[in-house]
Amino acid sequence: MHSTALSLTLPALTNSQRTHLLEDHPLCSLYELFETLPDPRCKSGQRYTLPYLLTCLVAALLCNCNSTLAVGEWCRENLTF
């Protein structure tokens, strides 16, 4: 089953708005955002860091993987561990 994306058009930013956003709010990656989350897992048996796993999950979901099986298959085909 594939998810249905909703079409959303955002209004264009003016040059001053774009400059303000880029100067005052630096961009960071999803991985950097995920690094700020506490890891609730116990330490034994962990192979991968939580930010890495969450980043892989987001990438797989963006590629229409809608189940844990599909995510696992996508990761095996597209990532080097």
N, C-alpha and C. Protein backbone atom coordinates (compact mmCIF):
# COMPACT_ATOMS: atom_id res chain seq x y z
N MET A 1 0.84 -1.17 0.00
CA MET A 1 0.00 0.00 0.00
C MET A 1 0.89 1.24 0.00
N HIS A 2 0.65 2.14 -0.92
CA HIS A 2 1.44 3.36 -1.02
C HIS A 2 0.67 4.51 -0.39
N SER A 3 1.40 5.42 0.20
CA SER A 3 0.76 6.59 0.79
C SER A 3 0.46 7.60 -0.30
N THR A 4 -0.53 8.44 -0.06
CA THR A 4 -0.91 9.46 -1.00
C THR A 4 -0.42 10.81 -0.48
N ALA A 5 0.43 11.45 -1.24
CA ALA A 5 0.96 12.74 -0.84
C ALA A 5 -0.03 13.84 -1.21
N LEU A 6 -0.16 14.80 -0.31
CA LEU A 6 -1.01 15.95 -0.59
C LEU A 6 -0.17 17.03 -1.25
N SER A 7 -0.75 17.67 -2.24
CA SER A 7 -0.04 18.75 -2.92
C SER A 7 -0.14 20.01 -2.08
N LEU A 8 1.01 20.64 -1.86
CA LEU A 8 1.05 21.84 -1.04
C LEU A 8 1.98 22.83 -1.72
N THR A 9 1.48 24.02 -1.97
CA THR A 9 2.29 25.06 -2.57
C THR A 9 2.47 26.17 -1.56
N LEU A 10 3.71 26.46 -1.23
CA LEU A 10 4.02 27.52 -0.29
C LEU A 10 4.28 28.82 -1.04
N PRO A 11 3.91 29.94 -0.43
CA PRO A 11 4.18 31.20 -1.11
C PRO A 11 5.69 31.46 -1.20
N ALA A 12 6.10 32.11 -2.26
CA ALA A 12 7.52 32.40 -2.46
C ALA A 12 8.00 33.42 -1.43
N LEU A 13 9.23 33.26 -0.99
CA LEU A 13 9.83 34.20 -0.05
C LEU A 13 10.42 35.39 -0.81
N THR A 14 10.37 36.54 -0.18
CA THR A 14 11.05 37.69 -0.76
C THR A 14 12.55 37.55 -0.48
N ASN A 15 13.36 38.32 -1.16
CA ASN A 15 14.80 38.25 -0.94
C ASN A 15 15.17 38.60 0.49
N SER A 16 14.50 39.58 1.07
CA SER A 16 14.81 39.96 2.46
C SER A 16 14.40 38.86 3.43
N GLN A 17 13.27 38.19 3.19
CA GLN A 17 12.85 37.08 4.04
C GLN A 17 13.84 35.92 3.94
N ARG A 18 14.29 35.62 2.72
CA ARG A 18 15.24 34.53 2.51
C ARG A 18 16.57 34.84 3.21
N THR A 19 17.04 36.06 3.08
CA THR A 19 18.28 36.47 3.73
C THR A 19 18.16 36.38 5.23
N HIS A 20 17.04 36.84 5.77
CA HIS A 20 16.80 36.78 7.21
C HIS A 20 16.81 35.34 7.71
N LEU A 21 16.16 34.44 7.02
CA LEU A 21 16.12 33.03 7.43
C LEU A 21 17.50 32.40 7.40
N LEU A 22 18.27 32.67 6.36
CA LEU A 22 19.58 32.04 6.23
C LEU A 22 20.60 32.61 7.20
N GLU A 23 20.47 33.87 7.56
CA GLU A 23 21.41 34.47 8.49
C GLU A 23 21.08 34.17 9.95
N ASP A 24 19.81 34.22 10.30
CA ASP A 24 19.41 34.07 11.69
C ASP A 24 19.12 32.64 12.11
N HIS A 25 18.79 31.80 11.17
CA HIS A 25 18.44 30.41 11.48
C HIS A 25 19.22 29.47 10.57
N PRO A 26 20.43 29.11 10.98
CA PRO A 26 21.23 28.24 10.11
C PRO A 26 20.56 26.88 9.93
N LEU A 27 20.73 26.35 8.74
CA LEU A 27 20.15 25.04 8.43
C LEU A 27 20.98 23.94 9.07
N CYS A 28 20.31 22.90 9.52
CA CYS A 28 21.03 21.74 10.02
C CYS A 28 20.41 20.50 9.39
N SER A 29 21.12 19.42 9.43
CA SER A 29 20.64 18.19 8.81
C SER A 29 19.69 17.46 9.75
N LEU A 30 18.94 16.53 9.18
CA LEU A 30 18.09 15.68 10.01
C LEU A 30 18.93 14.90 11.02
N TYR A 31 20.09 14.45 10.58
CA TYR A 31 20.97 13.69 11.47
C TYR A 31 21.33 14.54 12.69
N GLU A 32 21.66 15.81 12.46
CA GLU A 32 22.01 16.70 13.57
C GLU A 32 20.82 16.90 14.51
N LEU A 33 19.63 17.00 13.95
CA LEU A 33 18.43 17.13 14.80
C LEU A 33 18.20 15.86 15.60
N PHE A 34 18.38 14.71 14.95
CA PHE A 34 18.17 13.44 15.64
C PHE A 34 19.21 13.20 16.73
N GLU A 35 20.39 13.81 16.60
CA GLU A 35 21.41 13.67 17.65
C GLU A 35 20.99 14.31 18.96
N THR A 36 20.02 15.20 18.92
CA THR A 36 19.57 15.87 20.14
C THR A 36 18.56 15.03 20.92
N LEU A 37 18.06 13.95 20.32
CA LEU A 37 17.07 13.10 20.98
C LEU A 37 17.75 12.11 21.93
N PRO A 38 17.17 11.89 23.09
CA PRO A 38 17.72 10.86 23.98
C PRO A 38 17.42 9.47 23.41
N ASP A 39 18.35 8.56 23.59
CA ASP A 39 18.19 7.19 23.09
C ASP A 39 17.60 6.34 24.20
N PRO A 40 16.34 5.87 24.05
CA PRO A 40 15.70 5.10 25.11
C PRO A 40 16.11 3.63 25.15
N ARG A 41 16.92 3.19 24.18
CA ARG A 41 17.29 1.78 24.10
C ARG A 41 18.38 1.44 25.12
N CYS A 42 18.38 0.18 25.57
CA CYS A 42 19.48 -0.25 26.44
C CYS A 42 20.73 -0.42 25.58
N LYS A 43 21.89 -0.29 26.19
CA LYS A 43 23.15 -0.27 25.45
C LYS A 43 23.57 -1.62 24.88
N SER A 44 23.14 -2.71 25.49
CA SER A 44 23.58 -4.02 25.00
C SER A 44 22.92 -4.36 23.67
N GLY A 45 23.72 -4.80 22.74
CA GLY A 45 23.20 -5.24 21.46
C GLY A 45 22.99 -4.14 20.43
N GLN A 46 23.33 -2.92 20.75
CA GLN A 46 23.15 -1.84 19.78
C GLN A 46 24.23 -1.91 18.71
N ARG A 47 23.81 -1.89 17.46
CA ARG A 47 24.76 -1.87 16.35
C ARG A 47 24.91 -0.47 15.78
N TYR A 48 23.83 0.27 15.76
CA TYR A 48 23.81 1.58 15.10
C TYR A 48 23.31 2.63 16.07
N THR A 49 23.77 3.86 15.85
CA THR A 49 23.31 4.96 16.69
C THR A 49 21.87 5.32 16.33
N LEU A 50 21.17 5.90 17.28
CA LEU A 50 19.78 6.29 17.04
C LEU A 50 19.67 7.31 15.90
N PRO A 51 20.53 8.34 15.85
CA PRO A 51 20.40 9.29 14.73
C PRO A 51 20.56 8.62 13.36
N TYR A 52 21.46 7.65 13.27
CA TYR A 52 21.66 6.93 12.01
C TYR A 52 20.39 6.14 11.64
N LEU A 53 19.84 5.44 12.60
CA LEU A 53 18.64 4.63 12.34
C LEU A 53 17.46 5.51 11.92
N LEU A 54 17.27 6.63 12.62
CA LEU A 54 16.15 7.51 12.30
C LEU A 54 16.33 8.16 10.93
N THR A 55 17.55 8.52 10.59
CA THR A 55 17.82 9.11 9.27
C THR A 55 17.54 8.09 8.17
N CYS A 56 17.94 6.85 8.37
CA CYS A 56 17.66 5.78 7.40
C CYS A 56 16.16 5.56 7.27
N LEU A 57 15.45 5.60 8.39
CA LEU A 57 14.00 5.40 8.37
C LEU A 57 13.32 6.50 7.57
N VAL A 58 13.72 7.74 7.78
CA VAL A 58 13.12 8.86 7.04
C VAL A 58 13.40 8.70 5.55
N ALA A 59 14.62 8.34 5.18
CA ALA A 59 14.96 8.14 3.76
C ALA A 59 14.10 7.04 3.15
N ALA A 60 13.92 5.94 3.87
CA ALA A 60 13.11 4.83 3.36
C ALA A 60 11.64 5.25 3.23
N LEU A 61 11.13 5.99 4.20
CA LEU A 61 9.75 6.44 4.13
C LEU A 61 9.54 7.39 2.96
N LEU A 62 10.52 8.23 2.67
CA LEU A 62 10.42 9.12 1.52
C LEU A 62 10.44 8.36 0.20
N CYS A 63 10.93 7.13 0.23
CA CYS A 63 10.95 6.27 -0.96
C CYS A 63 9.75 5.31 -0.98
N ASN A 64 8.70 5.68 -0.26
CA ASN A 64 7.43 4.92 -0.24
C ASN A 64 7.52 3.56 0.43
N CYS A 65 8.41 3.38 1.36
CA CYS A 65 8.45 2.15 2.15
C CYS A 65 7.46 2.30 3.29
N ASN A 66 6.40 1.52 3.28
CA ASN A 66 5.32 1.69 4.25
C ASN A 66 5.22 0.56 5.27
N SER A 67 6.23 -0.27 5.37
CA SER A 67 6.23 -1.33 6.38
C SER A 67 7.66 -1.54 6.85
N THR A 68 7.80 -2.20 7.98
CA THR A 68 9.15 -2.44 8.49
C THR A 68 9.91 -3.37 7.54
N LEU A 69 9.22 -4.29 6.91
CA LEU A 69 9.86 -5.18 5.94
C LEU A 69 10.38 -4.38 4.75
N ALA A 70 9.56 -3.47 4.23
CA ALA A 70 9.97 -2.65 3.10
C ALA A 70 11.14 -1.75 3.47
N VAL A 71 11.14 -1.21 4.68
CA VAL A 71 12.25 -0.37 5.14
C VAL A 71 13.53 -1.19 5.21
N GLY A 72 13.46 -2.39 5.76
CA GLY A 72 14.63 -3.26 5.85
C GLY A 72 15.19 -3.62 4.50
N GLU A 73 14.31 -3.95 3.56
CA GLU A 73 14.76 -4.28 2.20
C GLU A 73 15.40 -3.07 1.53
N TRP A 74 14.79 -1.90 1.71
CA TRP A 74 15.33 -0.68 1.11
C TRP A 74 16.72 -0.40 1.66
N CYS A 75 16.89 -0.55 2.97
CA CYS A 75 18.19 -0.30 3.60
C CYS A 75 19.25 -1.27 3.08
N ARG A 76 18.89 -2.54 2.96
CA ARG A 76 19.85 -3.53 2.45
C ARG A 76 20.29 -3.21 1.02
N GLU A 77 19.36 -2.71 0.22
CA GLU A 77 19.67 -2.43 -1.19
C GLU A 77 20.41 -1.11 -1.38
N ASN A 78 20.19 -0.14 -0.50
CA ASN A 78 20.67 1.21 -0.77
C ASN A 78 21.73 1.74 0.18
N LEU A 79 21.98 1.07 1.28
CA LEU A 79 22.95 1.57 2.26
C LEU A 79 24.11 0.64 2.42
N THR A 80 25.25 1.22 2.68
CA THR A 80 26.45 0.44 2.99
C THR A 80 26.68 0.52 4.48
N PHE A 81 26.72 -0.62 5.13
CA PHE A 81 26.90 -0.64 6.58
C PHE A 81 28.33 -0.87 6.93
